[in-house]
Every structure is written in C-alpha cells, then in structure tokens.
C-alpha cells in the first residue's frame, strides 16, 4: 500500500545503570577525591569520611543512603565517588 509509512518504534533510552560495587566504574575524567570533597563535606567533615572504611558494597550502601537523604549526583559521579572511597578507605 503506497503512501502508508510503516510505524517506527520510539527510541528507548536504557535505564541509568544502578550503582554497582561489582561493575567497573566508568569515571572518565571525574575526580573521585574532588567529588567527595565537594559533595560529602556539604553535610560532614572530611575527617568523618576519612574515619570510615568499608568494602565497595558497604560504600555503595552508604552512598545510596546519602542519595536518600538528598544527595544529588549523577550516575557517573556516584561511580567515581564509589571507586575513590573503596580504594582509599577499604
């Protein structure tokens, strides 16, 4: 049938990747230390962060808790923060 275009399915955007302590973080040029300084010290002293240690899974849980408390970061920022904290404060 001429003149009838076949329907084009809408482009679907994949859901944002969840914060995963086991996935390799894609941090690009994001500086996890600078992000911790910028975001974490809005509510905490840097010493509080430095006194805490944990596995990647534990840090991921802490970060998600902070998001629940109002922390606004992108997925890539969360991954950069997680990578930095898990490596620096294991």
N, C-alpha and C. Protein backbone atom coordinates (compact mmCIF):
# COMPACT_ATOMS: atom_id res chain seq x y z
N UNK A 1 0.85 -1.15 0.00
CA UNK A 1 0.00 0.00 0.00
C UNK A 1 0.90 1.23 0.00
N UNK A 2 0.82 2.00 -1.04
CA UNK A 2 1.68 3.16 -1.20
C UNK A 2 1.15 4.33 -0.38
N UNK A 3 2.07 5.15 0.17
CA UNK A 3 1.68 6.31 0.95
C UNK A 3 1.51 6.03 2.42
N UNK A 4 1.59 4.78 2.80
CA UNK A 4 1.47 4.44 4.21
C UNK A 4 2.86 4.09 4.73
N UNK A 5 3.33 4.87 5.62
CA UNK A 5 4.65 4.61 6.20
C UNK A 5 4.51 3.56 7.29
N UNK A 6 5.49 2.70 7.33
CA UNK A 6 5.46 1.72 8.40
C UNK A 6 5.79 2.42 9.71
N UNK A 7 5.14 2.01 10.77
CA UNK A 7 5.39 2.68 12.05
C UNK A 7 6.84 2.49 12.50
N UNK A 8 7.38 3.52 13.03
CA UNK A 8 8.75 3.48 13.53
C UNK A 8 8.66 3.42 15.05
N UNK A 9 9.24 2.38 15.63
CA UNK A 9 9.16 2.29 17.09
C UNK A 9 9.91 3.45 17.74
N UNK A 10 9.40 3.92 18.85
CA UNK A 10 10.10 5.02 19.54
C UNK A 10 11.46 4.56 20.03
N UNK A 11 12.37 5.48 20.08
CA UNK A 11 13.70 5.17 20.58
C UNK A 11 13.61 5.04 22.09
N UNK A 12 14.08 3.95 22.59
CA UNK A 12 14.05 3.72 24.02
C UNK A 12 15.40 4.05 24.61
N UNK A 13 15.37 4.75 25.68
CA UNK A 13 16.59 5.06 26.39
C UNK A 13 16.77 4.02 27.48
N UNK A 14 17.90 3.34 27.50
CA UNK A 14 18.10 2.34 28.55
C UNK A 14 18.12 3.01 29.91
N UNK A 15 17.63 2.32 30.93
CA UNK A 15 17.64 2.90 32.27
C UNK A 15 19.06 3.19 32.73
N UNK A 16 19.19 4.19 33.57
CA UNK A 16 20.51 4.53 34.11
C UNK A 16 21.04 3.34 34.88
N UNK A 17 22.31 3.12 34.75
CA UNK A 17 22.94 2.00 35.45
C UNK A 17 22.85 2.22 36.95
N UNK A 18 22.48 1.19 37.64
CA UNK A 18 22.42 1.27 39.10
C UNK A 18 23.83 1.29 39.65
N UNK A 19 23.96 1.83 40.80
CA UNK A 19 25.27 1.86 41.46
C UNK A 19 25.62 0.44 41.85
N UNK A 20 26.67 -0.07 41.28
CA UNK A 20 27.03 -1.45 41.50
C UNK A 20 28.48 -1.55 41.94
N UNK A 21 28.72 -2.08 43.13
CA UNK A 21 30.09 -2.20 43.60
C UNK A 21 30.91 -3.21 42.82
N UNK A 22 30.25 -4.07 42.03
CA UNK A 22 31.00 -5.08 41.30
C UNK A 22 31.24 -4.69 39.85
N UNK A 23 30.55 -3.67 39.36
CA UNK A 23 30.78 -3.27 37.97
C UNK A 23 31.97 -2.33 37.92
N UNK A 24 32.66 -2.36 36.81
CA UNK A 24 33.81 -1.48 36.65
C UNK A 24 33.29 -0.05 36.49
N UNK A 25 33.72 0.86 37.34
CA UNK A 25 33.22 2.22 37.25
C UNK A 25 33.72 2.90 35.99
N UNK A 26 32.82 3.64 35.38
CA UNK A 26 33.18 4.44 34.21
C UNK A 26 33.25 5.88 34.70
N UNK A 27 34.44 6.29 35.05
CA UNK A 27 34.57 7.60 35.67
C UNK A 27 35.09 8.65 34.71
N UNK A 28 35.61 8.24 33.56
CA UNK A 28 36.13 9.23 32.62
C UNK A 28 37.13 10.13 33.31
N UNK A 29 36.92 11.41 33.21
CA UNK A 29 37.85 12.35 33.82
C UNK A 29 37.36 12.85 35.17
N UNK A 30 36.35 12.19 35.75
CA UNK A 30 35.84 12.62 37.05
C UNK A 30 36.85 12.27 38.15
N UNK A 31 37.06 13.20 39.03
CA UNK A 31 37.99 13.03 40.14
C UNK A 31 37.20 12.69 41.39
N UNK A 32 37.27 11.41 41.80
CA UNK A 32 36.51 10.97 42.96
C UNK A 32 36.84 11.74 44.22
N UNK A 33 38.12 12.05 44.44
CA UNK A 33 38.52 12.81 45.63
C UNK A 33 37.88 14.19 45.63
N UNK A 34 37.88 14.84 44.48
CA UNK A 34 37.28 16.18 44.39
C UNK A 34 35.77 16.11 44.59
N UNK A 35 35.15 15.05 44.08
CA UNK A 35 33.70 14.89 44.26
C UNK A 35 33.36 14.64 45.72
N UNK A 36 34.16 13.83 46.40
CA UNK A 36 33.94 13.61 47.84
C UNK A 36 34.07 14.93 48.58
N UNK A 37 35.10 15.69 48.26
CA UNK A 37 35.30 16.99 48.90
C UNK A 37 34.09 17.90 48.63
N UNK A 38 33.62 17.91 47.39
CA UNK A 38 32.52 18.80 47.01
C UNK A 38 31.19 18.39 47.65
N UNK A 39 30.84 17.11 47.54
CA UNK A 39 29.51 16.68 47.96
C UNK A 39 29.43 16.24 49.42
N UNK A 40 30.38 15.46 49.86
CA UNK A 40 30.29 14.89 51.21
C UNK A 40 30.45 15.94 52.29
N UNK A 41 31.28 16.95 52.00
CA UNK A 41 31.52 17.96 53.02
C UNK A 41 30.40 19.00 53.10
N UNK A 42 29.36 18.84 52.28
CA UNK A 42 28.19 19.71 52.44
C UNK A 42 27.52 19.42 53.78
N UNK A 43 27.60 18.17 54.23
CA UNK A 43 26.95 17.78 55.48
C UNK A 43 27.90 17.22 56.53
N UNK A 44 29.07 16.76 56.11
CA UNK A 44 30.01 16.10 57.01
C UNK A 44 31.37 16.77 56.91
N UNK A 45 32.18 16.58 57.94
CA UNK A 45 33.58 16.98 57.82
C UNK A 45 34.30 15.90 57.02
N UNK A 46 35.38 16.28 56.38
CA UNK A 46 36.16 15.30 55.64
C UNK A 46 36.76 14.26 56.59
N UNK A 47 37.02 14.66 57.83
CA UNK A 47 37.53 13.70 58.82
C UNK A 47 36.54 12.57 59.08
N UNK A 48 35.24 12.88 59.03
CA UNK A 48 34.24 11.83 59.23
C UNK A 48 34.35 10.79 58.12
N UNK A 49 34.52 11.26 56.90
CA UNK A 49 34.67 10.35 55.77
C UNK A 49 35.95 9.53 55.95
N UNK A 50 37.03 10.19 56.32
CA UNK A 50 38.32 9.51 56.47
C UNK A 50 38.31 8.47 57.59
N UNK A 51 37.48 8.66 58.61
CA UNK A 51 37.41 7.72 59.72
C UNK A 51 36.59 6.48 59.38
N UNK A 52 35.89 6.52 58.25
CA UNK A 52 35.04 5.41 57.84
C UNK A 52 35.79 4.52 56.86
N UNK A 53 35.56 3.25 56.96
CA UNK A 53 36.15 2.33 55.99
C UNK A 53 35.11 1.30 55.64
N UNK A 54 35.29 0.69 54.48
CA UNK A 54 34.34 -0.33 54.08
C UNK A 54 34.67 -0.91 52.73
N UNK A 55 34.02 -2.01 52.44
CA UNK A 55 34.17 -2.65 51.14
C UNK A 55 33.43 -1.80 50.11
N UNK A 56 33.60 -2.15 48.85
CA UNK A 56 32.87 -1.44 47.79
C UNK A 56 31.36 -1.54 48.02
N UNK A 57 30.90 -2.71 48.44
CA UNK A 57 29.47 -2.90 48.69
C UNK A 57 29.00 -2.02 49.85
N UNK A 58 29.82 -1.92 50.90
CA UNK A 58 29.45 -1.08 52.04
C UNK A 58 29.43 0.40 51.65
N UNK A 59 30.43 0.84 50.88
CA UNK A 59 30.44 2.23 50.42
C UNK A 59 29.25 2.50 49.51
N UNK A 60 28.91 1.54 48.65
CA UNK A 60 27.75 1.72 47.76
C UNK A 60 26.48 1.91 48.57
N UNK A 61 26.34 1.14 49.65
CA UNK A 61 25.18 1.26 50.52
C UNK A 61 25.15 2.64 51.19
N UNK A 62 26.29 3.10 51.65
CA UNK A 62 26.37 4.43 52.28
C UNK A 62 26.00 5.52 51.28
N UNK A 63 26.53 5.41 50.06
CA UNK A 63 26.23 6.41 49.03
C UNK A 63 24.74 6.43 48.73
N UNK A 64 24.13 5.25 48.59
CA UNK A 64 22.69 5.19 48.32
C UNK A 64 21.90 5.78 49.48
N UNK A 65 22.35 5.55 50.70
CA UNK A 65 21.68 6.15 51.86
C UNK A 65 21.75 7.67 51.77
N UNK A 66 22.91 8.19 51.38
CA UNK A 66 23.07 9.65 51.26
C UNK A 66 22.18 10.21 50.13
N UNK A 67 22.04 9.45 49.06
CA UNK A 67 21.12 9.87 47.98
C UNK A 67 19.70 9.95 48.54
N UNK A 68 19.34 8.99 49.37
CA UNK A 68 18.03 9.00 50.03
C UNK A 68 17.85 10.20 50.96
N UNK A 69 18.96 10.71 51.46
CA UNK A 69 18.93 11.88 52.35
C UNK A 69 18.96 13.19 51.58
N UNK A 70 19.09 13.11 50.25
CA UNK A 70 19.05 14.32 49.45
C UNK A 70 20.27 14.62 48.61
N UNK A 71 21.29 13.78 48.65
CA UNK A 71 22.46 13.97 47.81
C UNK A 71 22.05 13.87 46.35
N UNK A 72 22.40 14.86 45.56
CA UNK A 72 22.06 14.85 44.14
C UNK A 72 23.34 14.75 43.32
N UNK A 73 23.58 13.55 42.79
CA UNK A 73 24.75 13.29 41.95
C UNK A 73 24.30 12.46 40.76
N UNK A 74 25.07 12.55 39.69
CA UNK A 74 24.78 11.73 38.51
C UNK A 74 25.28 10.31 38.75
N UNK A 75 24.89 9.41 37.89
CA UNK A 75 25.37 8.03 37.98
C UNK A 75 26.88 7.94 37.86
N UNK A 76 27.45 8.72 36.95
CA UNK A 76 28.91 8.70 36.78
C UNK A 76 29.60 9.29 38.01
N UNK A 77 29.02 10.31 38.61
CA UNK A 77 29.60 10.88 39.82
C UNK A 77 29.56 9.86 40.95
N UNK A 78 28.44 9.14 41.08
CA UNK A 78 28.34 8.10 42.11
C UNK A 78 29.41 7.04 41.91
N UNK A 79 29.61 6.62 40.67
CA UNK A 79 30.61 5.60 40.39
C UNK A 79 32.01 6.10 40.71
N UNK A 80 32.30 7.37 40.40
CA UNK A 80 33.62 7.94 40.69
C UNK A 80 33.83 8.05 42.20
N UNK A 81 32.81 8.46 42.91
CA UNK A 81 32.89 8.56 44.37
C UNK A 81 33.11 7.17 44.96
N UNK A 82 32.34 6.21 44.49
CA UNK A 82 32.46 4.83 44.98
C UNK A 82 33.86 4.28 44.73
N UNK A 83 34.35 4.46 43.53
CA UNK A 83 35.69 3.95 43.20
C UNK A 83 36.74 4.58 44.11
N UNK A 84 36.65 5.87 44.32
CA UNK A 84 37.62 6.57 45.18
C UNK A 84 37.52 6.08 46.63
N UNK A 85 36.31 6.05 47.18
CA UNK A 85 36.16 5.65 48.58
C UNK A 85 36.57 4.20 48.81
N UNK A 86 36.19 3.32 47.91
CA UNK A 86 36.52 1.89 48.10
C UNK A 86 38.02 1.66 47.99
N UNK A 87 38.69 2.42 47.15
CA UNK A 87 40.14 2.25 47.01
C UNK A 87 40.90 2.95 48.13
N UNK A 88 40.43 4.11 48.54
CA UNK A 88 41.16 4.92 49.52
C UNK A 88 40.86 4.54 50.97
N UNK A 89 39.63 4.11 51.23
CA UNK A 89 39.22 3.78 52.60
C UNK A 89 38.59 2.40 52.65
N UNK A 90 39.39 1.36 52.34
CA UNK A 90 38.84 -0.02 52.32
C UNK A 90 38.59 -0.57 53.72
